[in-house]
Amino acid sequence: MKKILLLLAFFASCQLVSAQDEAIFSHYIITPVLINPAAAGFSDVHQLQLNARAQWTGFVDAPKTYSAQYNGPLGNNFGLGVGILTETAAQMNRTRAHLNYAFRFKVSEMIKLSAGFATEYQQVRLDNDVISGVFFQEGDQVVEDFIDGRGVFDASIGVFSSFNENTKVGLSFTNLVRSRLSNVSNANESILKYYLFFVSHKLYVDDLNFVLEPSVLIRNVKDVPSQVEINMKASFLDESLTAGLSYRSLGALGILLGTKLSNFELYYSYDLFFQNFQRYNDGSHEVTVAMSFARGANKQPGGKRY
């Protein structure tokens, strides 16, 4: 049974490594630029962010992902994001670099809109000792190509908007290049088949210095099962303390804890899965560390409250 589970985990890890990063991190409810390039610079602050996620901890060769990125405004109308990600899963290693561009403008005093575009390059490589493993067959050209490293370019687009600073809506389309290459034989299939839709709204309780923010994410990402995620985030004392719960339709529950002290932010989440595989691992852990700097000394955060 353990050998069967190890084999299944190996192939699951292969799929995860080839999947889009939008399906890896769960802290998009803190920093939506993780799932939408149009969110780069949207909050009008410069932000440095480090993310780390350990999936299925306690299981042999479980995936581990690390990323570092920056996003911020360029002038009054443009946003820029740049980042790098590394990941290991079983005997596969992936490195990804991306660049986000966003054009921001005010539709009215109550509505702000941004349109964004992202380009990326990623390389996947297998460890050299994979050829001595029990799964390798002599002459397997695919495996031999990945030992040397295989690179691919990709792109995504998105729109992100806020209403009264409290309601946020985003829609992004991923895998535009890979989808096009995959659909060469089927010209009628849309390259916009992979998407992420996100909506959130802040509810303020001023007497208690408390903010409640429900949100929903609908994912349909390449190489990853479609999923609906329902989140509830609560912030206290001007966001100096944050707690949250997330439910994912594929059968997982996430718990979020975090703090914000001046320009420094720290968040931790733990994911528990409902499938039988949970018996063979200790769940998943994710940590985000961020530093944010306002563009101007007189910049005041926040907006209207409803």
C-alpha atoms as a PDB file:
ATOM      1  CA  MET A   1       0.000   0.000   0.000  1.00  0.00           C
ATOM      2  CA  LYS A   2       2.826   2.424   0.823  1.00  0.00           C
ATOM      3  CA  LYS A   3       4.459   1.728  -2.561  1.00  0.00           C
ATOM      4  CA  ILE A   4       1.176   2.429  -4.318  1.00  0.00           C
ATOM      5  CA  LEU A   5       0.721   5.671  -2.394  1.00  0.00           C
ATOM      6  CA  LEU A   6       4.301   6.684  -3.188  1.00  0.00           C
ATOM      7  CA  LEU A   7       3.678   6.053  -6.887  1.00  0.00           C
ATOM      8  CA  LEU A   8       0.442   8.063  -6.819  1.00  0.00           C
ATOM      9  CA  ALA A   9       2.154  10.891  -4.947  1.00  0.00           C
ATOM     10  CA  PHE A  10       4.963  10.944  -7.518  1.00  0.00           C
ATOM     11  CA  PHE A  11       2.557  11.430 -10.402  1.00  0.00           C
ATOM     12  CA  ALA A  12       0.514  13.949  -8.388  1.00  0.00           C
ATOM     13  CA  SER A  13       3.713  15.874  -7.730  1.00  0.00           C
ATOM     14  CA  CYS A  14       4.536  15.828 -11.443  1.00  0.00           C
ATOM     15  CA  GLN A  15       1.147  17.347 -12.178  1.00  0.00           C
ATOM     16  CA  LEU A  16       1.589  19.948  -9.442  1.00  0.00           C
ATOM     17  CA  VAL A  17       4.987  21.011 -10.744  1.00  0.00           C
ATOM     18  CA  SER A  18       3.563  21.480 -14.249  1.00  0.00           C
ATOM     19  CA  ALA A  19       0.559  23.367 -12.899  1.00  0.00           C
ATOM     20  CA  GLN A  20       0.139  27.109 -12.727  1.00  0.00           C
ATOM     21  CA  ASP A  21       1.287  28.918  -9.593  1.00  0.00           C
ATOM     22  CA  GLU A  22      -2.200  30.382  -9.205  1.00  0.00           C
ATOM     23  CA  ALA A  23      -3.223  26.973  -7.837  1.00  0.00           C
ATOM     24  CA  ILE A  24      -0.379  26.685  -5.322  1.00  0.00           C
ATOM     25  CA  PHE A  25      -0.548  29.557  -2.837  1.00  0.00           C
ATOM     26  CA  SER A  26      -3.623  30.217  -0.707  1.00  0.00           C
ATOM     27  CA  HIS A  27      -2.647  33.685   0.567  1.00  0.00           C
ATOM     28  CA  TYR A  28      -4.214  35.451  -2.414  1.00  0.00           C
ATOM     29  CA  ILE A  29      -6.818  36.744   0.057  1.00  0.00           C
ATOM     30  CA  ILE A  30      -3.964  38.817   1.514  1.00  0.00           C
ATOM     31  CA  THR A  31      -2.116  39.666  -1.723  1.00  0.00           C
ATOM     32  CA  PRO A  32      -4.314  39.159  -4.829  1.00  0.00           C
ATOM     33  CA  VAL A  33      -1.325  39.743  -7.129  1.00  0.00           C
ATOM     34  CA  LEU A  34      -0.642  36.023  -6.557  1.00  0.00           C
ATOM     35  CA  ILE A  35      -3.582  35.204  -8.839  1.00  0.00           C
ATOM     36  CA  ASN A  36      -4.063  38.303 -10.994  1.00  0.00           C
ATOM     37  CA  PRO A  37      -1.408  40.378 -12.816  1.00  0.00           C
ATOM     38  CA  ALA A  38      -3.747  43.395 -12.872  1.00  0.00           C
ATOM     39  CA  ALA A  39      -3.398  43.650  -9.066  1.00  0.00           C
ATOM     40  CA  ALA A  40       0.245  44.772  -9.403  1.00  0.00           C
ATOM     41  CA  GLY A  41       0.540  48.203  -7.791  1.00  0.00           C
ATOM     42  CA  PHE A  42      -3.240  48.387  -7.318  1.00  0.00           C
ATOM     43  CA  SER A  43      -3.045  49.329  -3.628  1.00  0.00           C
ATOM     44  CA  ASP A  44      -0.627  52.156  -4.542  1.00  0.00           C
ATOM     45  CA  VAL A  45       2.122  50.859  -2.256  1.00  0.00           C
ATOM     46  CA  HIS A  46       5.471  49.235  -2.956  1.00  0.00           C
ATOM     47  CA  GLN A  47       5.518  45.699  -1.578  1.00  0.00           C
ATOM     48  CA  LEU A  48       8.240  43.084  -1.178  1.00  0.00           C
ATOM     49  CA  GLN A  49       6.841  39.634  -0.509  1.00  0.00           C
ATOM     50  CA  LEU A  50       8.232  36.206   0.372  1.00  0.00           C
ATOM     51  CA  ASN A  51       6.047  33.095   0.197  1.00  0.00           C
ATOM     52  CA  ALA A  52       6.808  29.540   1.269  1.00  0.00           C
ATOM     53  CA  ARG A  53       4.501  26.536   1.094  1.00  0.00           C
ATOM     54  CA  ALA A  54       5.133  22.952   2.239  1.00  0.00           C
ATOM     55  CA  GLN A  55       2.517  20.618   0.793  1.00  0.00           C
ATOM     56  CA  TRP A  56       1.617  17.312   2.505  1.00  0.00           C
ATOM     57  CA  THR A  57       4.343  17.622   5.122  1.00  0.00           C
ATOM     58  CA  GLY A  58       5.592  14.331   6.544  1.00  0.00           C
ATOM     59  CA  PHE A  59       5.176  12.497   3.239  1.00  0.00           C
ATOM     60  CA  VAL A  60       8.291  11.469   1.308  1.00  0.00           C
ATOM     61  CA  ASP A  61       9.322  13.929  -1.443  1.00  0.00           C
ATOM     62  CA  ALA A  62       6.277  16.134  -0.901  1.00  0.00           C
ATOM     63  CA  PRO A  63       6.235  19.446  -2.853  1.00  0.00           C
ATOM     64  CA  LYS A  64       7.918  22.533  -1.407  1.00  0.00           C
ATOM     65  CA  THR A  65       7.531  25.940  -3.055  1.00  0.00           C
ATOM     66  CA  TYR A  66       9.317  29.249  -2.422  1.00  0.00           C
ATOM     67  CA  SER A  67       8.800  32.590  -4.131  1.00  0.00           C
ATOM     68  CA  ALA A  68      10.013  36.167  -3.857  1.00  0.00           C
ATOM     69  CA  GLN A  69       8.359  39.052  -5.641  1.00  0.00           C
ATOM     70  CA  TYR A  70       7.879  42.787  -5.773  1.00  0.00           C
ATOM     71  CA  ASN A  71       4.927  44.822  -6.989  1.00  0.00           C
ATOM     72  CA  GLY A  72       4.218  48.527  -6.857  1.00  0.00           C
ATOM     73  CA  PRO A  73       3.058  51.617  -8.744  1.00  0.00           C
ATOM     74  CA  LEU A  74       4.942  53.415 -11.494  1.00  0.00           C
ATOM     75  CA  GLY A  75       3.555  56.929 -11.555  1.00  0.00           C
ATOM     76  CA  ASN A  76      -0.192  57.397 -11.250  1.00  0.00           C
ATOM     77  CA  ASN A  77      -1.360  54.940 -13.884  1.00  0.00           C
ATOM     78  CA  PHE A  78       1.021  52.011 -14.137  1.00  0.00           C
ATOM     79  CA  GLY A  79       1.861  49.054 -11.936  1.00  0.00           C
ATOM     80  CA  LEU A  80       4.773  46.643 -12.165  1.00  0.00           C
ATOM     81  CA  GLY A  81       5.458  43.250 -10.650  1.00  0.00           C
ATOM     82  CA  VAL A  82       8.464  40.947 -10.883  1.00  0.00           C
ATOM     83  CA  GLY A  83       9.166  37.661  -9.160  1.00  0.00           C
ATOM     84  CA  ILE A  84      10.904  34.309  -9.099  1.00  0.00           C
ATOM     85  CA  LEU A  85       9.680  30.937  -7.858  1.00  0.00           C
ATOM     86  CA  THR A  86      11.417  27.648  -7.162  1.00  0.00           C
ATOM     87  CA  GLU A  87       9.751  24.327  -6.424  1.00  0.00           C
ATOM     88  CA  THR A  88      10.766  20.741  -5.739  1.00  0.00           C
ATOM     89  CA  ALA A  89       8.451  17.736  -5.861  1.00  0.00           C
ATOM     90  CA  ALA A  90       9.720  14.167  -5.817  1.00  0.00           C
ATOM     91  CA  GLN A  91      12.661  14.266  -8.277  1.00  0.00           C
ATOM     92  CA  MET A  92      11.403  17.254 -10.230  1.00  0.00           C
ATOM     93  CA  ASN A  93      12.670  20.812  -9.881  1.00  0.00           C
ATOM     94  CA  ARG A  94      11.064  23.900 -11.352  1.00  0.00           C
ATOM     95  CA  THR A  95      12.212  27.509 -11.635  1.00  0.00           C
ATOM     96  CA  ARG A  96       9.897  30.257 -12.836  1.00  0.00           C
ATOM     97  CA  ALA A  97      10.422  33.974 -13.447  1.00  0.00           C
ATOM     98  CA  HIS A  98       7.581  36.352 -14.264  1.00  0.00           C
ATOM     99  CA  LEU A  99       6.935  40.004 -15.047  1.00  0.00           C
ATOM    100  CA  ASN A 100       3.564  41.717 -14.480  1.00  0.00           C
ATOM    101  CA  TYR A 101       2.387  44.919 -16.136  1.00  0.00           C
ATOM    102  CA  ALA A 102      -0.766  46.780 -15.104  1.00  0.00           C
ATOM    103  CA  PHE A 103      -2.521  49.934 -16.309  1.00  0.00           C
ATOM    104  CA  ARG A 104      -4.584  51.570 -13.556  1.00  0.00           C
ATOM    105  CA  PHE A 105      -7.163  54.340 -13.824  1.00  0.00           C
ATOM    106  CA  LYS A 106     -10.162  55.762 -11.991  1.00  0.00           C
ATOM    107  CA  VAL A 107     -13.520  55.287 -13.668  1.00  0.00           C
ATOM    108  CA  SER A 108     -15.105  57.563 -11.044  1.00  0.00           C
ATOM    109  CA  GLU A 109     -14.539  58.605  -7.444  1.00  0.00           C
ATOM    110  CA  MET A 110     -16.031  55.284  -6.369  1.00  0.00           C
ATOM    111  CA  ILE A 111     -14.626  52.895  -8.978  1.00  0.00           C
ATOM    112  CA  LYS A 112     -10.990  52.035  -9.718  1.00  0.00           C
ATOM    113  CA  LEU A 113     -10.045  49.647 -12.526  1.00  0.00           C
ATOM    114  CA  SER A 114      -6.848  47.961 -13.639  1.00  0.00           C
ATOM    115  CA  ALA A 115      -5.975  45.832 -16.664  1.00  0.00           C
ATOM    116  CA  GLY A 116      -2.866  43.669 -16.510  1.00  0.00           C
ATOM    117  CA  PHE A 117      -0.651  41.361 -18.518  1.00  0.00           C
ATOM    118  CA  ALA A 118       1.969  38.862 -17.324  1.00  0.00           C
ATOM    119  CA  THR A 119       4.788  37.089 -19.126  1.00  0.00           C
ATOM    120  CA  GLU A 120       6.719  34.204 -17.659  1.00  0.00           C
ATOM    121  CA  TYR A 121       9.423  31.670 -18.369  1.00  0.00           C
ATOM    122  CA  GLN A 122       9.751  28.432 -16.470  1.00  0.00           C
ATOM    123  CA  GLN A 123      12.130  25.510 -16.647  1.00  0.00           C
ATOM    124  CA  VAL A 124      11.456  22.016 -15.329  1.00  0.00           C
ATOM    125  CA  ARG A 125      14.343  19.648 -14.651  1.00  0.00           C
ATOM    126  CA  LEU A 126      14.583  16.057 -13.355  1.00  0.00           C
ATOM    127  CA  ASP A 127      17.317  14.887 -10.995  1.00  0.00           C
ATOM    128  CA  ASN A 128      20.003  12.838 -12.751  1.00  0.00           C
ATOM    129  CA  ASP A 129      19.416   9.832 -10.506  1.00  0.00           C
ATOM    130  CA  VAL A 130      15.880   9.411 -11.891  1.00  0.00           C
ATOM    131  CA  ILE A 131      17.288   7.186 -14.652  1.00  0.00           C
ATOM    132  CA  SER A 132      18.265   4.619 -12.016  1.00  0.00           C
ATOM    133  CA  GLY A 133      14.751   4.550 -10.548  1.00  0.00           C
ATOM    134  CA  VAL A 134      12.190   1.787 -10.974  1.00  0.00           C
ATOM    135  CA  PHE A 135       9.906   4.034 -13.057  1.00  0.00           C
ATOM    136  CA  PHE A 136      12.461   4.762 -15.783  1.00  0.00           C
ATOM    137  CA  GLN A 137      12.404   2.926 -19.106  1.00  0.00           C
ATOM    138  CA  GLU A 138      15.461   2.986 -21.329  1.00  0.00           C
ATOM    139  CA  GLY A 139      14.986   5.253 -24.334  1.00  0.00           C
ATOM    140  CA  ASP A 140      12.227   7.367 -22.730  1.00  0.00           C
ATOM    141  CA  GLN A 141      12.872  10.578 -24.653  1.00  0.00           C
ATOM    142  CA  VAL A 142      10.556  12.682 -22.489  1.00  0.00           C
ATOM    143  CA  VAL A 143      12.437  11.812 -19.298  1.00  0.00           C
ATOM    144  CA  GLU A 144      15.804  12.309 -20.989  1.00  0.00           C
ATOM    145  CA  ASP A 145      14.717  15.745 -22.227  1.00  0.00           C
ATOM    146  CA  PHE A 146      13.659  16.783 -18.736  1.00  0.00           C
ATOM    147  CA  ILE A 147      16.976  15.686 -17.249  1.00  0.00           C
ATOM    148  CA  ASP A 148      18.599  18.299 -19.497  1.00  0.00           C
ATOM    149  CA  GLY A 149      15.869  20.773 -18.534  1.00  0.00           C
ATOM    150  CA  ARG A 150      12.840  21.831 -20.538  1.00  0.00           C
ATOM    151  CA  GLY A 151      11.756  25.469 -20.712  1.00  0.00           C
ATOM    152  CA  VAL A 152       8.469  27.038 -21.744  1.00  0.00           C
ATOM    153  CA  PHE A 153       7.085  30.554 -22.097  1.00  0.00           C
ATOM    154  CA  ASP A 154       3.579  31.481 -21.043  1.00  0.00           C
ATOM    155  CA  ALA A 155       1.365  34.517 -20.518  1.00  0.00           C
ATOM    156  CA  SER A 156      -1.787  35.619 -18.702  1.00  0.00           C
ATOM    157  CA  ILE A 157      -4.113  38.618 -18.688  1.00  0.00           C
ATOM    158  CA  GLY A 158      -6.460  40.012 -16.083  1.00  0.00           C
ATOM    159  CA  VAL A 159      -8.691  42.803 -14.870  1.00  0.00           C
ATOM    160  CA  PHE A 160      -9.035  43.939 -11.270  1.00  0.00           C
ATOM    161  CA  SER A 161     -11.404  46.537  -9.834  1.00  0.00           C
ATOM    162  CA  SER A 162     -12.567  48.044  -6.565  1.00  0.00           C
ATOM    163  CA  PHE A 163     -15.840  49.747  -5.653  1.00  0.00           C
ATOM    164  CA  ASN A 164     -15.842  52.204  -2.765  1.00  0.00           C
ATOM    165  CA  GLU A 165     -12.463  50.664  -1.803  1.00  0.00           C
ATOM    166  CA  ASN A 166     -14.355  47.856  -0.044  1.00  0.00           C
ATOM    167  CA  THR A 167     -15.613  45.561  -2.797  1.00  0.00           C
ATOM    168  CA  LYS A 168     -12.982  43.974  -5.035  1.00  0.00           C
ATOM    169  CA  VAL A 169     -13.589  41.921  -8.167  1.00  0.00           C
ATOM    170  CA  GLY A 170     -10.956  40.263 -10.335  1.00  0.00           C
ATOM    171  CA  LEU A 171     -10.885  38.016 -13.388  1.00  0.00           C
ATOM    172  CA  SER A 172      -7.721  36.582 -14.919  1.00  0.00           C
ATOM    173  CA  PHE A 173      -7.049  34.171 -17.775  1.00  0.00           C
ATOM    174  CA  THR A 174      -3.977  31.951 -17.495  1.00  0.00           C
ATOM    175  CA  ASN A 175      -1.928  29.666 -19.748  1.00  0.00           C
ATOM    176  CA  LEU A 176      -2.599  31.703 -22.887  1.00  0.00           C
ATOM    177  CA  VAL A 177       0.471  30.392 -24.722  1.00  0.00           C
ATOM    178  CA  ARG A 178       0.316  26.799 -23.481  1.00  0.00           C
ATOM    179  CA  SER A 179      -3.414  26.655 -24.170  1.00  0.00           C
ATOM    180  CA  ARG A 180      -2.846  27.870 -27.715  1.00  0.00           C
ATOM    181  CA  LEU A 181      -0.157  25.254 -28.321  1.00  0.00           C
ATOM    182  CA  SER A 182      -2.344  22.523 -26.842  1.00  0.00           C
ATOM    183  CA  ASN A 183      -5.311  23.518 -29.009  1.00  0.00           C
ATOM    184  CA  VAL A 184      -3.527  23.642 -32.371  1.00  0.00           C
ATOM    185  CA  SER A 185      -5.494  20.592 -33.458  1.00  0.00           C
ATOM    186  CA  ASN A 186      -8.770  22.115 -32.228  1.00  0.00           C
ATOM    187  CA  ALA A 187      -9.013  25.668 -33.514  1.00  0.00           C
ATOM    188  CA  ASN A 188     -12.562  26.049 -32.182  1.00  0.00           C
ATOM    189  CA  GLU A 189     -11.495  25.656 -28.543  1.00  0.00           C
ATOM    190  CA  SER A 190     -11.015  28.963 -26.745  1.00  0.00           C
ATOM    191  CA  ILE A 191      -7.614  29.865 -25.307  1.00  0.00           C
ATOM    192  CA  LEU A 192      -9.526  31.596 -22.478  1.00  0.00           C
ATOM    193  CA  LYS A 193     -10.720  28.279 -21.009  1.00  0.00           C
ATOM    194  CA  TYR A 194      -8.490  28.644 -17.923  1.00  0.00           C
ATOM    195  CA  TYR A 195      -9.501  31.414 -15.546  1.00  0.00           C
ATOM    196  CA  LEU A 196      -9.725  32.623 -11.964  1.00  0.00           C
ATOM    197  CA  PHE A 197     -12.632  34.745 -10.722  1.00  0.00           C
ATOM    198  CA  PHE A 198     -12.347  36.462  -7.357  1.00  0.00           C
ATOM    199  CA  VAL A 199     -14.747  38.697  -5.418  1.00  0.00           C
ATOM    200  CA  SER A 200     -14.539  40.062  -1.859  1.00  0.00           C
ATOM    201  CA  HIS A 201     -16.267  42.660   0.290  1.00  0.00           C
ATOM    202  CA  LYS A 202     -15.280  44.332   3.564  1.00  0.00           C
ATOM    203  CA  LEU A 203     -17.831  44.821   6.325  1.00  0.00           C
ATOM    204  CA  TYR A 204     -16.784  47.337   8.995  1.00  0.00           C
ATOM    205  CA  VAL A 205     -17.863  47.328  12.650  1.00  0.00           C
ATOM    206  CA  ASP A 206     -16.382  50.634  13.770  1.00  0.00           C
ATOM    207  CA  ASP A 207     -17.480  50.371  17.407  1.00  0.00           C
ATOM    208  CA  LEU A 208     -15.417  47.211  17.817  1.00  0.00           C
ATOM    209  CA  ASN A 209     -12.562  48.189  15.467  1.00  0.00           C
ATOM    210  CA  PHE A 210     -13.344  45.025  13.541  1.00  0.00           C
ATOM    211  CA  VAL A 211     -13.458  44.167   9.817  1.00  0.00           C
ATOM    212  CA  LEU A 212     -15.064  41.082   8.319  1.00  0.00           C
ATOM    213  CA  GLU A 213     -14.184  40.188   4.719  1.00  0.00           C
ATOM    214  CA  PRO A 214     -15.913  37.268   2.963  1.00  0.00           C
ATOM    215  CA  SER A 215     -14.578  36.244  -0.447  1.00  0.00           C
ATOM    216  CA  VAL A 216     -15.051  33.603  -3.137  1.00  0.00           C
ATOM    217  CA  LEU A 217     -12.567  32.267  -5.684  1.00  0.00           C
ATOM    218  CA  ILE A 218     -13.489  30.086  -8.671  1.00  0.00           C
ATOM    219  CA  ARG A 219     -10.439  28.342 -10.163  1.00  0.00           C
ATOM    220  CA  ASN A 220     -10.224  26.582 -13.498  1.00  0.00           C
ATOM    221  CA  VAL A 221      -6.485  26.222 -14.044  1.00  0.00           C
ATOM    222  CA  LYS A 222      -4.536  23.992 -16.426  1.00  0.00           C
ATOM    223  CA  ASP A 223      -3.485  20.605 -14.986  1.00  0.00           C
ATOM    224  CA  VAL A 224      -5.442  21.258 -11.771  1.00  0.00           C
ATOM    225  CA  PRO A 225      -9.042  20.164 -10.989  1.00  0.00           C
ATOM    226  CA  SER A 226     -11.621  22.971 -11.023  1.00  0.00           C
ATOM    227  CA  GLN A 227     -12.386  24.278  -7.579  1.00  0.00           C
ATOM    228  CA  VAL A 228     -14.500  26.769  -5.642  1.00  0.00           C
ATOM    229  CA  GLU A 229     -13.019  28.330  -2.518  1.00  0.00           C
ATOM    230  CA  ILE A 230     -15.025  30.187   0.127  1.00  0.00           C
ATOM    231  CA  ASN A 231     -13.066  32.366   2.543  1.00  0.00           C
ATOM    232  CA  MET A 232     -13.868  34.397   5.625  1.00  0.00           C
ATOM    233  CA  LYS A 233     -11.227  36.770   6.960  1.00  0.00           C
ATOM    234  CA  ALA A 234     -11.534  38.865  10.124  1.00  0.00           C
ATOM    235  CA  SER A 235      -9.203  41.724  11.060  1.00  0.00           C
ATOM    236  CA  PHE A 236      -8.925  43.440  14.417  1.00  0.00           C
ATOM    237  CA  LEU A 237      -7.307  46.636  15.716  1.00  0.00           C
ATOM    238  CA  ASP A 238      -6.644  48.239  12.311  1.00  0.00           C
ATOM    239  CA  GLU A 239      -5.521  44.894  10.832  1.00  0.00           C
ATOM    240  CA  SER A 240      -2.849  44.371  13.477  1.00  0.00           C
ATOM    241  CA  LEU A 241      -4.420  40.927  14.021  1.00  0.00           C
ATOM    242  CA  THR A 242      -5.973  38.756  11.298  1.00  0.00           C
ATOM    243  CA  ALA A 243      -7.701  35.375  11.376  1.00  0.00           C
ATOM    244  CA  GLY A 244      -9.483  33.458   8.671  1.00  0.00           C
ATOM    245  CA  LEU A 245     -11.097  30.242   7.486  1.00  0.00           C
ATOM    246  CA  SER A 246     -11.196  28.778   3.977  1.00  0.00           C
ATOM    247  CA  TYR A 247     -13.198  25.907   2.557  1.00  0.00           C
ATOM    248  CA  ARG A 248     -12.259  24.320  -0.774  1.00  0.00           C
ATOM    249  CA  SER A 249     -14.716  22.258  -2.771  1.00  0.00           C
ATOM    250  CA  LEU A 250     -12.162  19.504  -3.426  1.00  0.00           C
ATOM    251  CA  GLY A 251     -12.214  18.748   0.282  1.00  0.00           C
ATOM    252  CA  ALA A 252      -9.889  20.944   2.329  1.00  0.00           C
ATOM    253  CA  LEU A 253     -10.130  23.389   5.207  1.00  0.00           C
ATOM    254  CA  GLY A 254      -7.625  26.193   5.766  1.00  0.00           C
ATOM    255  CA  ILE A 255      -6.929  28.214   8.913  1.00  0.00           C
ATOM    256  CA  LEU A 256      -5.193  31.609   8.639  1.00  0.00           C
ATOM    257  CA  LEU A 257      -3.454  33.683  11.321  1.00  0.00           C
ATOM    258  CA  GLY A 258      -1.495  36.875  10.791  1.00  0.00           C
ATOM    259  CA  THR A 259      -0.336  40.230  12.032  1.00  0.00           C
ATOM    260  CA  LYS A 260       0.436  43.629  10.558  1.00  0.00           C
ATOM    261  CA  LEU A 261       2.760  45.991  12.392  1.00  0.00           C
ATOM    262  CA  SER A 262       3.395  49.267  10.584  1.00  0.00           C
ATOM    263  CA  ASN A 263       5.049  48.233   7.278  1.00  0.00           C
ATOM    264  CA  PHE A 264       5.635  44.610   8.272  1.00  0.00           C
ATOM    265  CA  GLU A 265       3.177  41.743   7.657  1.00  0.00           C
ATOM    266  CA  LEU A 266       3.384  38.086   8.651  1.00  0.00           C
ATOM    267  CA  TYR A 267       0.808  35.389   7.848  1.00  0.00           C
ATOM    268  CA  TYR A 268       0.627  31.658   8.451  1.00  0.00           C
ATOM    269  CA  SER A 269      -1.955  29.124   7.319  1.00  0.00           C
ATOM    270  CA  TYR A 270      -2.506  25.415   7.836  1.00  0.00           C
ATOM    271  CA  ASP A 271      -4.518  23.262   5.424  1.00  0.00           C
ATOM    272  CA  LEU A 272      -6.211  20.018   6.418  1.00  0.00           C
ATOM    273  CA  PHE A 273      -7.529  17.671   3.728  1.00  0.00           C
ATOM    274  CA  PHE A 274     -10.605  15.475   4.066  1.00  0.00           C
ATOM    275  CA  GLN A 275      -9.452  12.718   1.694  1.00  0.00           C
ATOM    276  CA  ASN A 276      -8.012   9.404   2.922  1.00  0.00           C
ATOM    277  CA  PHE A 277      -4.550  10.610   1.880  1.00  0.00           C
ATOM    278  CA  GLN A 278      -4.581  12.921   4.930  1.00  0.00           C
ATOM    279  CA  ARG A 279      -3.800   9.871   7.067  1.00  0.00           C
ATOM    280  CA  TYR A 280      -0.353   9.680   5.452  1.00  0.00           C
ATOM    281  CA  ASN A 281       0.692  13.323   5.867  1.00  0.00           C
ATOM    282  CA  ASP A 282       0.554  16.155   8.384  1.00  0.00           C
ATOM    283  CA  GLY A 283      -1.269  18.716   6.260  1.00  0.00           C
ATOM    284  CA  SER A 284       0.128  21.729   4.418  1.00  0.00           C
ATOM    285  CA  HIS A 285       1.767  24.871   5.783  1.00  0.00           C
ATOM    286  CA  GLU A 286       2.138  28.278   4.148  1.00  0.00           C
ATOM    287  CA  VAL A 287       3.967  31.403   5.329  1.00  0.00           C
ATOM    288  CA  THR A 288       3.979  34.902   3.844  1.00  0.00           C
ATOM    289  CA  VAL A 289       6.290  37.727   4.926  1.00  0.00           C
ATOM    290  CA  ALA A 290       5.758  41.148   3.360  1.00  0.00           C
ATOM    291  CA  MET A 291       7.112  44.683   3.658  1.00  0.00           C
ATOM    292  CA  SER A 292       4.993  47.524   2.280  1.00  0.00           C
ATOM    293  CA  PHE A 293       5.988  51.141   1.719  1.00  0.00           C
ATOM    294  CA  ALA A 294       3.550  53.905   0.821  1.00  0.00           C
ATOM    295  CA  ARG A 295       4.361  55.839  -2.336  1.00  0.00           C
ATOM    296  CA  GLY A 296       3.996  59.241  -0.657  1.00  0.00           C
ATOM    297  CA  ALA A 297       4.510  60.425   2.892  1.00  0.00           C
ATOM    298  CA  ASN A 298       0.946  61.737   3.075  1.00  0.00           C
ATOM    299  CA  LYS A 299      -0.621  58.587   1.712  1.00  0.00           C
ATOM    300  CA  GLN A 300      -3.598  57.519   3.794  1.00  0.00           C
ATOM    301  CA  PRO A 301      -4.793  53.887   3.594  1.00  0.00           C
ATOM    302  CA  GLY A 302      -8.387  52.819   3.444  1.00  0.00           C
ATOM    303  CA  GLY A 303     -11.487  54.399   2.037  1.00  0.00           C
ATOM    304  CA  LYS A 304     -15.221  54.681   2.556  1.00  0.00           C
ATOM    305  CA  ARG A 305     -16.862  52.224   4.893  1.00  0.00           C
ATOM    306  CA  TYR A 306     -20.233  50.601   4.377  1.00  0.00           C
END
